[in-house]
Protein backbone atom coordinates (compact mmCIF):
# COMPACT_ATOMS: atom_id res chain seq x y z
CA UNK A 1 38.14 -82.47 -44.95
CA UNK A 2 39.09 -82.43 -41.23
CA UNK A 3 36.66 -80.22 -39.28
CA UNK A 4 37.85 -81.13 -35.81
CA UNK A 5 39.96 -78.35 -34.35
CA UNK A 6 43.40 -79.20 -32.71
CA UNK A 7 43.68 -79.69 -29.10
CA UNK A 8 45.88 -76.44 -28.79
CA UNK A 9 43.35 -74.35 -30.51
CA UNK A 10 40.70 -75.64 -28.08
CA UNK A 11 42.96 -74.93 -25.11
CA UNK A 12 43.54 -71.40 -26.36
CA UNK A 13 39.83 -70.71 -26.88
CA UNK A 14 39.08 -72.02 -23.32
CA UNK A 15 41.87 -69.83 -21.80
CA UNK A 16 40.60 -66.82 -23.67
CA UNK A 17 36.87 -67.54 -22.52
CA UNK A 18 38.19 -67.72 -18.84
CA UNK A 19 40.15 -64.45 -19.19
CA UNK A 20 36.86 -62.73 -20.53
CA UNK A 21 34.80 -64.09 -17.68
CA UNK A 22 37.18 -63.05 -15.13
CA UNK A 23 37.23 -59.56 -16.65
CA UNK A 24 33.47 -59.25 -16.61
CA UNK A 25 33.37 -60.22 -12.97
CA UNK A 26 35.62 -57.33 -12.07
CA UNK A 27 33.60 -54.71 -14.13
CA UNK A 28 30.47 -53.46 -12.43
CA UNK A 29 28.23 -50.70 -13.69
CA UNK A 30 26.28 -50.29 -10.65
CA UNK A 31 26.92 -46.84 -9.20
CA UNK A 32 27.56 -46.27 -5.52
CA UNK A 33 25.02 -44.20 -3.53
CA UNK A 34 26.40 -41.29 -1.65
CA UNK A 35 25.48 -41.78 1.96
CA UNK A 36 25.88 -38.03 2.66
CA UNK A 37 23.35 -36.88 0.28
CA UNK A 38 19.73 -36.20 1.32
CA UNK A 39 17.35 -39.10 0.75
CA UNK A 40 14.40 -37.72 -1.26
CA UNK A 41 13.20 -40.96 -2.58
CA UNK A 42 11.33 -44.20 -1.47
CA UNK A 43 12.77 -46.72 -3.96
CA UNK A 44 14.93 -46.90 -6.87
CA UNK A 45 12.53 -45.88 -9.52
CA UNK A 46 11.60 -42.78 -7.47
CA UNK A 47 15.19 -41.94 -7.03
CA UNK A 48 15.75 -41.97 -10.87
CA UNK A 49 12.61 -39.96 -11.35
CA UNK A 50 13.71 -37.32 -8.81
CA UNK A 51 17.21 -37.09 -10.56
CA UNK A 52 15.44 -36.35 -13.85
CA UNK A 53 13.14 -33.74 -12.36
CA UNK A 54 15.99 -32.22 -10.48
CA UNK A 55 17.95 -31.72 -13.81
CA UNK A 56 15.22 -29.41 -15.21
CA UNK A 57 13.80 -27.72 -12.11
CA UNK A 58 16.43 -27.55 -9.33
CA UNK A 59 17.56 -24.18 -10.66
CA UNK A 60 14.10 -22.80 -10.04
CA UNK A 61 13.40 -24.54 -6.73
CA UNK A 62 16.70 -24.24 -4.95
CA UNK A 63 15.67 -21.07 -2.94
CA UNK A 64 12.39 -22.64 -2.02
CA UNK A 65 14.19 -25.60 -0.52
CA UNK A 66 16.71 -23.65 1.20
CA UNK A 67 14.08 -21.54 2.82
CA UNK A 68 12.14 -24.52 3.80
CA UNK A 69 15.17 -26.27 5.56
CA UNK A 70 15.95 -23.00 7.38
CA UNK A 71 12.36 -22.73 8.56
CA UNK A 72 11.67 -19.31 7.02
CA UNK A 73 9.30 -20.49 4.32
């Protein structure tokens, strides 16, 4: 029984692995931070917490925030 792969099969595997590595380097899941948004956080963990809270309570606190920014609160 010959368990040693052929030279061509090894070359194809190396070429495929190199393509996969190049594809992974191009792909990035990191989201870009919008510089125009108001900064309401002190670190990344706090930013995520504020986003979660905002999804539920922004509809109730929008008017209060607007009044506060205008100075009429």
